[in-house]
C-alpha atoms as a PDB file:
ATOM      1  CA  MET A   1      -0.096   0.068   0.250  1.00  0.00           C
ATOM      2  CA  ASN A   2       1.213   3.071  -0.608  1.00  0.00           C
ATOM      3  CA  SER A   3       1.868   5.930   1.342  1.00  0.00           C
ATOM      4  CA  PRO A   4       0.395   9.344   1.976  1.00  0.00           C
ATOM      5  CA  PRO A   5       2.234  12.288  -0.004  1.00  0.00           C
ATOM      6  CA  ASP A   6       4.974  13.688   1.923  1.00  0.00           C
ATOM      7  CA  ARG A   7       4.298  17.462   1.959  1.00  0.00           C
ATOM      8  CA  ARG A   8       7.928  17.937   2.795  1.00  0.00           C
ATOM      9  CA  ARG A   9       9.209  15.872  -0.717  1.00  0.00           C
ATOM     10  CA  TRP A  10       6.691  17.860  -2.596  1.00  0.00           C
ATOM     11  CA  ARG A  11       7.814  21.619  -1.872  1.00  0.00           C
ATOM     12  CA  CYS A  12      10.438  20.859  -3.728  1.00  0.00           C
ATOM     13  CA  TRP A  13       8.070  20.219  -7.033  1.00  0.00           C
ATOM     14  CA  PRO A  14       8.389  23.762  -7.545  1.00  0.00           C
ATOM     15  CA  ARG A  15      12.027  23.986  -8.344  1.00  0.00           C
ATOM     16  CA  ALA A  16      10.888  22.219 -12.175  1.00  0.00           C
ATOM     17  CA  LEU A  17       9.622  25.373 -12.674  1.00  0.00           C
ATOM     18  CA  ALA A  18      12.998  27.071 -12.937  1.00  0.00           C
ATOM     19  CA  LEU A  19      14.687  24.004 -13.974  1.00  0.00           C
ATOM     20  CA  LEU A  20      15.267  24.486 -17.929  1.00  0.00           C
ATOM     21  CA  ALA A  21      17.102  27.670 -16.434  1.00  0.00           C
ATOM     22  CA  GLY A  22      20.886  28.371 -16.912  1.00  0.00           C
ATOM     23  CA  ALA A  23      22.799  30.455 -19.926  1.00  0.00           C
ATOM     24  CA  ALA A  24      25.285  33.850 -19.785  1.00  0.00           C
ATOM     25  CA  LEU A  25      25.926  36.589 -22.159  1.00  0.00           C
ATOM     26  CA  LEU A  26      29.616  35.378 -20.828  1.00  0.00           C
ATOM     27  CA  ALA A  27      30.027  33.469 -23.713  1.00  0.00           C
ATOM     28  CA  SER A  28      32.975  32.295 -26.171  1.00  0.00           C
ATOM     29  CA  PRO A  29      33.276  31.310 -29.504  1.00  0.00           C
ATOM     30  CA  ALA A  30      31.562  27.506 -30.155  1.00  0.00           C
ATOM     31  CA  PRO A  31      33.004  24.722 -31.866  1.00  0.00           C
ATOM     32  CA  HIS A  32      32.645  24.758 -35.816  1.00  0.00           C
ATOM     33  CA  ALA A  33      29.855  22.022 -35.986  1.00  0.00           C
ATOM     34  CA  LEU A  34      28.020  23.502 -33.706  1.00  0.00           C
ATOM     35  CA  ALA A  35      28.240  27.527 -35.233  1.00  0.00           C
ATOM     36  CA  LYS A  36      27.403  25.301 -38.509  1.00  0.00           C
ATOM     37  CA  GLU A  37      24.008  24.289 -36.914  1.00  0.00           C
ATOM     38  CA  ALA A  38      23.410  27.604 -35.546  1.00  0.00           C
ATOM     39  CA  GLU A  39      23.937  29.311 -39.222  1.00  0.00           C
ATOM     40  CA  SER A  40      20.877  30.983 -40.545  1.00  0.00           C
ATOM     41  CA  ALA A  41      18.776  30.308 -37.579  1.00  0.00           C
ATOM     42  CA  ALA A  42      16.460  32.825 -35.424  1.00  0.00           C
ATOM     43  CA  LEU A  43      14.603  32.752 -32.711  1.00  0.00           C
ATOM     44  CA  GLN A  44      10.920  31.867 -33.076  1.00  0.00           C
ATOM     45  CA  PRO A  45       7.955  31.741 -30.921  1.00  0.00           C
ATOM     46  CA  PHE A  46       7.227  28.693 -29.595  1.00  0.00           C
ATOM     47  CA  LYS A  47       5.178  25.907 -26.744  1.00  0.00           C
ATOM     48  CA  ALA A  48       6.470  23.324 -25.127  1.00  0.00           C
ATOM     49  CA  ARG A  49       5.000  21.058 -22.224  1.00  0.00           C
ATOM     50  CA  TYR A  50       6.796  18.856 -19.614  1.00  0.00           C
ATOM     51  CA  GLN A  51       5.793  15.662 -18.036  1.00  0.00           C
ATOM     52  CA  ALA A  52       7.506  16.635 -14.226  1.00  0.00           C
ATOM     53  CA  THR A  53       8.679  13.920 -11.599  1.00  0.00           C
ATOM     54  CA  TYR A  54      10.548  14.439  -8.472  1.00  0.00           C
ATOM     55  CA  ARG A  55      12.119  11.097  -7.974  1.00  0.00           C
ATOM     56  CA  GLY A  56      10.451   8.891  -9.750  1.00  0.00           C
ATOM     57  CA  ILE A  57       6.952  10.050  -8.668  1.00  0.00           C
ATOM     58  CA  SER A  58       4.843  12.381 -11.578  1.00  0.00           C
ATOM     59  CA  GLY A  59       3.656  15.616 -10.304  1.00  0.00           C
ATOM     60  CA  GLY A  60       1.816  16.797 -13.209  1.00  0.00           C
ATOM     61  CA  GLN A  61       3.348  18.537 -16.412  1.00  0.00           C
ATOM     62  CA  ILE A  62       4.986  22.129 -16.799  1.00  0.00           C
ATOM     63  CA  GLU A  63       4.468  24.401 -19.952  1.00  0.00           C
ATOM     64  CA  ASN A  64       7.047  26.675 -21.211  1.00  0.00           C
ATOM     65  CA  GLY A  65       6.010  29.406 -24.052  1.00  0.00           C
ATOM     66  CA  LEU A  66       8.070  32.190 -25.846  1.00  0.00           C
ATOM     67  CA  ARG A  67       6.193  34.725 -28.340  1.00  0.00           C
ATOM     68  CA  ARG A  68       6.955  38.390 -28.917  1.00  0.00           C
ATOM     69  CA  GLY A  69       6.423  41.252 -26.758  1.00  0.00           C
ATOM     70  CA  PRO A  70       4.628  44.474 -26.865  1.00  0.00           C
ATOM     71  CA  GLN A  71       7.709  45.831 -28.815  1.00  0.00           C
ATOM     72  CA  PRO A  72       9.915  45.161 -31.641  1.00  0.00           C
ATOM     73  CA  GLY A  73      12.485  43.407 -30.062  1.00  0.00           C
ATOM     74  CA  GLN A  74      10.966  42.168 -26.937  1.00  0.00           C
ATOM     75  CA  TRP A  75      10.151  38.825 -25.909  1.00  0.00           C
ATOM     76  CA  LEU A  76       7.820  37.418 -23.154  1.00  0.00           C
ATOM     77  CA  TYR A  77       8.791  33.803 -21.721  1.00  0.00           C
ATOM     78  CA  GLU A  78       6.102  32.084 -19.579  1.00  0.00           C
ATOM     79  CA  THR A  79       5.818  29.066 -17.548  1.00  0.00           C
ATOM     80  CA  ARG A  80       2.460  27.839 -16.824  1.00  0.00           C
ATOM     81  CA  ALA A  81       2.002  24.534 -14.153  1.00  0.00           C
ATOM     82  CA  TYR A  82      -0.752  21.825 -14.191  1.00  0.00           C
ATOM     83  CA  PRO A  83      -0.169  20.169 -11.635  1.00  0.00           C
ATOM     84  CA  ASN A  84      -2.117  16.785 -11.121  1.00  0.00           C
ATOM     85  CA  LEU A  85      -3.037  15.909  -7.209  1.00  0.00           C
ATOM     86  CA  LEU A  86      -0.175  14.960  -5.683  1.00  0.00           C
ATOM     87  CA  GLY A  87       1.638  17.919  -7.504  1.00  0.00           C
ATOM     88  CA  ARG A  88      -0.985  20.129  -6.156  1.00  0.00           C
ATOM     89  CA  VAL A  89       0.292  19.755  -2.448  1.00  0.00           C
ATOM     90  CA  ALA A  90       2.894  21.945  -3.396  1.00  0.00           C
ATOM     91  CA  VAL A  91       1.903  23.924  -6.543  1.00  0.00           C
ATOM     92  CA  SER A  92      -1.580  25.412  -7.642  1.00  0.00           C
ATOM     93  CA  PRO A  93      -2.262  25.132 -11.035  1.00  0.00           C
ATOM     94  CA  GLN A  94      -2.490  29.060 -11.171  1.00  0.00           C
ATOM     95  CA  ALA A  95       0.834  29.644 -10.366  1.00  0.00           C
ATOM     96  CA  ARG A  96       2.657  31.757 -13.294  1.00  0.00           C
ATOM     97  CA  GLU A  97       5.749  32.729 -14.345  1.00  0.00           C
ATOM     98  CA  ARG A  98       6.370  35.841 -16.512  1.00  0.00           C
ATOM     99  CA  GLY A  99       9.307  37.966 -17.866  1.00  0.00           C
ATOM    100  CA  LEU A 100       9.728  40.543 -20.526  1.00  0.00           C
ATOM    101  CA  MET A 101      13.080  40.900 -22.129  1.00  0.00           C
ATOM    102  CA  GLU A 102      15.037  42.755 -24.968  1.00  0.00           C
ATOM    103  CA  VAL A 103      17.019  39.857 -27.387  1.00  0.00           C
ATOM    104  CA  THR A 104      19.350  41.372 -29.787  1.00  0.00           C
ATOM    105  CA  ALA A 105      22.463  39.585 -31.619  1.00  0.00           C
ATOM    106  CA  ALA A 106      24.311  40.274 -28.571  1.00  0.00           C
ATOM    107  CA  GLY A 107      22.312  37.827 -26.752  1.00  0.00           C
ATOM    108  CA  VAL A 108      19.022  39.064 -23.736  1.00  0.00           C
ATOM    109  CA  ARG A 109      18.581  41.990 -21.213  1.00  0.00           C
ATOM    110  CA  PRO A 110      15.179  41.016 -18.930  1.00  0.00           C
ATOM    111  CA  LEU A 111      13.310  44.075 -18.726  1.00  0.00           C
ATOM    112  CA  THR A 112      10.531  42.845 -15.916  1.00  0.00           C
ATOM    113  CA  PHE A 113       9.819  39.873 -14.003  1.00  0.00           C
ATOM    114  CA  ASP A 114       6.676  38.403 -12.439  1.00  0.00           C
ATOM    115  CA  PHE A 115       5.869  35.203 -10.316  1.00  0.00           C
ATOM    116  CA  ASP A 116       2.270  34.778  -9.112  1.00  0.00           C
ATOM    117  CA  ASP A 117       2.213  30.939  -6.447  1.00  0.00           C
ATOM    118  CA  GLY A 118      -1.545  30.909  -7.907  1.00  0.00           C
ATOM    119  CA  LYS A 119      -2.622  31.496  -3.950  1.00  0.00           C
ATOM    120  CA  SER A 120      -5.150  34.296  -2.858  1.00  0.00           C
ATOM    121  CA  ASP A 121      -2.356  36.127  -0.839  1.00  0.00           C
ATOM    122  CA  SER A 122       1.276  37.377  -2.254  1.00  0.00           C
ATOM    123  CA  ALA A 123       2.812  36.055   0.643  1.00  0.00           C
ATOM    124  CA  LYS A 124       4.925  33.691  -2.144  1.00  0.00           C
ATOM    125  CA  ASP A 125       4.998  36.308  -5.153  1.00  0.00           C
ATOM    126  CA  VAL A 126       7.966  38.049  -7.116  1.00  0.00           C
ATOM    127  CA  ARG A 127       7.873  41.328  -8.920  1.00  0.00           C
ATOM    128  CA  PHE A 128      10.415  43.495  -9.823  1.00  0.00           C
ATOM    129  CA  ALA A 129      11.950  45.670 -12.965  1.00  0.00           C
ATOM    130  CA  PHE A 130      15.251  46.148 -14.526  1.00  0.00           C
ATOM    131  CA  ASP A 131      16.678  49.892 -14.477  1.00  0.00           C
ATOM    132  CA  TRP A 132      19.420  49.113 -17.117  1.00  0.00           C
ATOM    133  CA  ARG A 133      20.276  52.779 -17.264  1.00  0.00           C
ATOM    134  CA  ALA A 134      21.284  52.932 -13.631  1.00  0.00           C
ATOM    135  CA  GLY A 135      22.314  49.399 -13.133  1.00  0.00           C
ATOM    136  CA  ARG A 136      19.935  48.876 -10.698  1.00  0.00           C
ATOM    137  CA  VAL A 137      16.669  46.302 -10.322  1.00  0.00           C
ATOM    138  CA  LYS A 138      14.010  47.034  -7.851  1.00  0.00           C
ATOM    139  CA  GLY A 139      10.780  45.208  -6.670  1.00  0.00           C
ATOM    140  CA  GLU A 140       9.310  42.920  -4.447  1.00  0.00           C
ATOM    141  CA  ALA A 141       9.744  39.314  -3.187  1.00  0.00           C
ATOM    142  CA  GLN A 142       7.999  37.539  -0.511  1.00  0.00           C
ATOM    143  CA  GLY A 143       6.306  41.047   1.140  1.00  0.00           C
ATOM    144  CA  GLU A 144       9.961  42.868   1.007  1.00  0.00           C
ATOM    145  CA  PRO A 145      11.024  45.537  -0.860  1.00  0.00           C
ATOM    146  CA  PHE A 146      14.738  45.862  -2.666  1.00  0.00           C
ATOM    147  CA  ASP A 147      17.131  47.942  -4.558  1.00  0.00           C
ATOM    148  CA  LEU A 148      20.421  45.945  -5.819  1.00  0.00           C
ATOM    149  CA  ALA A 149      22.904  46.407  -8.309  1.00  0.00           C
ATOM    150  CA  VAL A 150      23.280  45.071 -11.461  1.00  0.00           C
ATOM    151  CA  ALA A 151      25.967  44.147 -14.038  1.00  0.00           C
ATOM    152  CA  PRO A 152      25.623  44.178 -17.417  1.00  0.00           C
ATOM    153  CA  GLY A 153      24.897  40.278 -18.462  1.00  0.00           C
ATOM    154  CA  THR A 154      22.451  39.333 -15.246  1.00  0.00           C
ATOM    155  CA  GLN A 155      19.502  37.622 -15.977  1.00  0.00           C
ATOM    156  CA  ASP A 156      16.227  36.787 -14.125  1.00  0.00           C
ATOM    157  CA  THR A 157      15.083  32.739 -13.994  1.00  0.00           C
ATOM    158  CA  ALA A 158      12.575  33.316 -16.771  1.00  0.00           C
ATOM    159  CA  SER A 159      15.089  35.520 -19.086  1.00  0.00           C
ATOM    160  CA  VAL A 160      17.847  32.500 -18.876  1.00  0.00           C
ATOM    161  CA  GLN A 161      15.932  29.956 -20.404  1.00  0.00           C
ATOM    162  CA  ALA A 162      15.482  32.506 -23.696  1.00  0.00           C
ATOM    163  CA  ALA A 163      19.109  33.415 -23.353  1.00  0.00           C
ATOM    164  CA  MET A 164      20.603  29.930 -23.599  1.00  0.00           C
ATOM    165  CA  ILE A 165      18.433  29.618 -26.887  1.00  0.00           C
ATOM    166  CA  VAL A 166      19.949  32.902 -28.154  1.00  0.00           C
ATOM    167  CA  GLU A 167      23.634  31.797 -27.398  1.00  0.00           C
ATOM    168  CA  LEU A 168      23.128  28.461 -29.196  1.00  0.00           C
ATOM    169  CA  LEU A 169      21.747  29.730 -32.252  1.00  0.00           C
ATOM    170  CA  ALA A 170      24.000  32.510 -32.229  1.00  0.00           C
ATOM    171  CA  GLY A 171      27.241  29.542 -31.889  1.00  0.00           C
ATOM    172  CA  ARG A 172      28.446  30.752 -28.819  1.00  0.00           C
ATOM    173  CA  GLU A 173      29.106  28.349 -25.742  1.00  0.00           C
ATOM    174  CA  PRO A 174      28.128  30.097 -22.346  1.00  0.00           C
ATOM    175  CA  LYS A 175      30.561  29.564 -19.405  1.00  0.00           C
ATOM    176  CA  GLY A 176      28.520  31.253 -16.469  1.00  0.00           C
ATOM    177  CA  PHE A 177      25.812  33.597 -15.215  1.00  0.00           C
ATOM    178  CA  THR A 178      24.338  35.727 -12.782  1.00  0.00           C
ATOM    179  CA  ILE A 179      20.280  35.077 -12.388  1.00  0.00           C
ATOM    180  CA  LEU A 180      18.365  37.011  -9.567  1.00  0.00           C
ATOM    181  CA  THR A 181      15.651  34.466  -8.027  1.00  0.00           C
ATOM    182  CA  GLY A 182      13.529  36.245  -6.116  1.00  0.00           C
ATOM    183  CA  SER A 183      16.130  38.942  -4.336  1.00  0.00           C
ATOM    184  CA  ARG A 184      19.233  37.488  -4.426  1.00  0.00           C
ATOM    185  CA  LEU A 185      21.763  37.658  -6.908  1.00  0.00           C
ATOM    186  CA  ARG A 186      23.657  34.046  -7.377  1.00  0.00           C
ATOM    187  CA  ASP A 187      25.998  32.959  -9.156  1.00  0.00           C
ATOM    188  CA  TYR A 188      26.594  29.698 -11.696  1.00  0.00           C
ATOM    189  CA  ARG A 189      29.397  27.982 -13.577  1.00  0.00           C
ATOM    190  CA  TYR A 190      28.075  25.983 -16.865  1.00  0.00           C
ATOM    191  CA  TRP A 191      29.914  23.592 -19.119  1.00  0.00           C
ATOM    192  CA  SER A 192      28.775  21.119 -22.063  1.00  0.00           C
ATOM    193  CA  GLU A 193      28.884  17.890 -21.750  1.00  0.00           C
ATOM    194  CA  GLY A 194      28.739  16.998 -25.746  1.00  0.00           C
ATOM    195  CA  ARG A 195      26.297  15.553 -27.506  1.00  0.00           C
ATOM    196  CA  ALA A 196      23.439  12.801 -26.493  1.00  0.00           C
ATOM    197  CA  THR A 197      20.514  10.995 -28.277  1.00  0.00           C
ATOM    198  CA  VAL A 198      17.519  10.879 -26.434  1.00  0.00           C
ATOM    199  CA  VAL A 199      14.196   9.757 -26.347  1.00  0.00           C
ATOM    200  CA  THR A 200      11.157  11.483 -24.883  1.00  0.00           C
ATOM    201  CA  PRO A 201       7.598  10.737 -25.267  1.00  0.00           C
ATOM    202  CA  PHE A 202       7.290  13.285 -27.991  1.00  0.00           C
ATOM    203  CA  GLY A 203      10.017  11.651 -29.996  1.00  0.00           C
ATOM    204  CA  GLN A 204      14.043  10.951 -30.712  1.00  0.00           C
ATOM    205  CA  PHE A 205      16.246  13.759 -30.943  1.00  0.00           C
ATOM    206  CA  GLU A 206      19.986  14.427 -31.429  1.00  0.00           C
ATOM    207  CA  THR A 207      20.890  16.821 -28.466  1.00  0.00           C
ATOM    208  CA  VAL A 208      23.229  19.198 -27.056  1.00  0.00           C
ATOM    209  CA  VAL A 209      24.006  18.710 -23.403  1.00  0.00           C
ATOM    210  CA  TRP A 210      24.935  21.558 -20.854  1.00  0.00           C
ATOM    211  CA  ALA A 211      24.965  21.270 -17.299  1.00  0.00           C
ATOM    212  CA  ASN A 212      25.136  24.082 -14.107  1.00  0.00           C
ATOM    213  CA  GLN A 213      25.550  24.355 -10.646  1.00  0.00           C
ATOM    214  CA  ARG A 214      25.243  27.191  -8.560  1.00  0.00           C
ATOM    215  CA  ALA A 215      28.318  28.284  -6.234  1.00  0.00           C
ATOM    216  CA  GLY A 216      28.379  26.467  -2.875  1.00  0.00           C
ATOM    217  CA  SER A 217      25.115  23.701  -3.851  1.00  0.00           C
ATOM    218  CA  ASP A 218      25.195  20.385  -4.339  1.00  0.00           C
ATOM    219  CA  ARG A 219      22.964  19.953  -6.851  1.00  0.00           C
ATOM    220  CA  VAL A 220      23.904  19.902 -10.628  1.00  0.00           C
ATOM    221  CA  VAL A 221      21.211  20.369 -13.235  1.00  0.00           C
ATOM    222  CA  LYS A 222      21.845  19.174 -17.104  1.00  0.00           C
ATOM    223  CA  VAL A 223      19.573  20.177 -19.543  1.00  0.00           C
ATOM    224  CA  TRP A 224      19.359  18.545 -23.392  1.00  0.00           C
ATOM    225  CA  HIS A 225      19.061  21.037 -26.102  1.00  0.00           C
ATOM    226  CA  ALA A 226      17.798  19.738 -29.481  1.00  0.00           C
ATOM    227  CA  PRO A 227      19.167  21.870 -32.839  1.00  0.00           C
ATOM    228  CA  ALA A 228      16.561  20.288 -34.813  1.00  0.00           C
ATOM    229  CA  LEU A 229      13.778  22.205 -32.121  1.00  0.00           C
ATOM    230  CA  GLY A 230      15.881  25.258 -32.679  1.00  0.00           C
ATOM    231  CA  TYR A 231      17.746  24.358 -29.344  1.00  0.00           C
ATOM    232  CA  VAL A 232      14.362  24.282 -27.451  1.00  0.00           C
ATOM    233  CA  PRO A 233      14.995  21.869 -24.432  1.00  0.00           C
ATOM    234  CA  VAL A 234      13.853  18.430 -24.820  1.00  0.00           C
ATOM    235  CA  GLN A 235      14.749  17.379 -21.065  1.00  0.00           C
ATOM    236  CA  ALA A 236      16.200  18.265 -17.866  1.00  0.00           C
ATOM    237  CA  VAL A 237      17.568  16.511 -14.924  1.00  0.00           C
ATOM    238  CA  GLN A 238      18.399  18.053 -11.236  1.00  0.00           C
ATOM    239  CA  PHE A 239      20.824  15.818  -9.308  1.00  0.00           C
ATOM    240  CA  ARG A 240      21.681  16.263  -5.669  1.00  0.00           C
ATOM    241  CA  LYS A 241      24.547  14.737  -4.058  1.00  0.00           C
ATOM    242  CA  GLY A 242      24.901  13.119  -7.715  1.00  0.00           C
ATOM    243  CA  GLN A 243      21.293  11.557  -7.202  1.00  0.00           C
ATOM    244  CA  LEU A 244      18.370  12.335  -9.626  1.00  0.00           C
ATOM    245  CA  GLU A 245      15.508  14.353  -7.894  1.00  0.00           C
ATOM    246  CA  THR A 246      13.754  16.405 -10.544  1.00  0.00           C
ATOM    247  CA  GLN A 247      13.268  15.582 -14.081  1.00  0.00           C
ATOM    248  CA  LEU A 248      11.415  16.712 -17.288  1.00  0.00           C
ATOM    249  CA  ARG A 249      10.725  15.344 -20.450  1.00  0.00           C
ATOM    250  CA  LEU A 250       8.867  16.755 -23.656  1.00  0.00           C
ATOM    251  CA  VAL A 251       5.230  15.799 -24.286  1.00  0.00           C
ATOM    252  CA  SER A 252       4.648  18.316 -26.595  1.00  0.00           C
ATOM    253  CA  PHE A 253       6.095  21.224 -28.901  1.00  0.00           C
ATOM    254  CA  GLU A 254       3.976  23.640 -31.119  1.00  0.00           C
ATOM    255  CA  GLN A 255       6.181  26.374 -32.939  1.00  0.00           C
ATOM    256  CA  PHE A 256       4.777  29.371 -34.567  1.00  0.00           C
END
């Protein structure tokens, strides 16, 4: 007989909302093969849905979408949760994460960010806006206001997902990045783990594999990007102390 859901276990499930994150504007030229794949490629609007599991138990699905923003050169990245009954212990089906950003040949620059955990109160919500002329970001995280200095290349948890796609399309290899999560700036290192063939519920793909790790963390995230889908991720996993913890696998994909 299965034991009752462990609420402490499922508190980790919302991390899947940002599991696909990873990129940097601190980049170097890519190998010839990667650069060749990126030739004539351009960022395209898309919608991708993933099956999310935590320690082998399904929590439901997560959908990432990228579409053009209100002004030329602007893009909107949105993540939505579709938890099953177990997943709803940790995350609301009304949860949303949205990030507005500028995308140029040089990379991605975030503008605004909005995370709503889907509950009636705003105790865990996060909202902020970047002022790049002043080199600062101001907002509110979990009910507390903040005002931080930010360096060029800083990303948020939405913009960094688009940034990785942009870097790979441009034939560049990211090396590391600073990302604003809540009201804290965190540094990550980033490295390539070569190529791999991946079978997902949506099909089989040839991919390039990238791993990242936050400084001082015992968690490592690996993401499989498919050139055939414009480098949109088809799989992502998070390991903690070498043990697989959270996994996302592509179940549907639409490009506009």
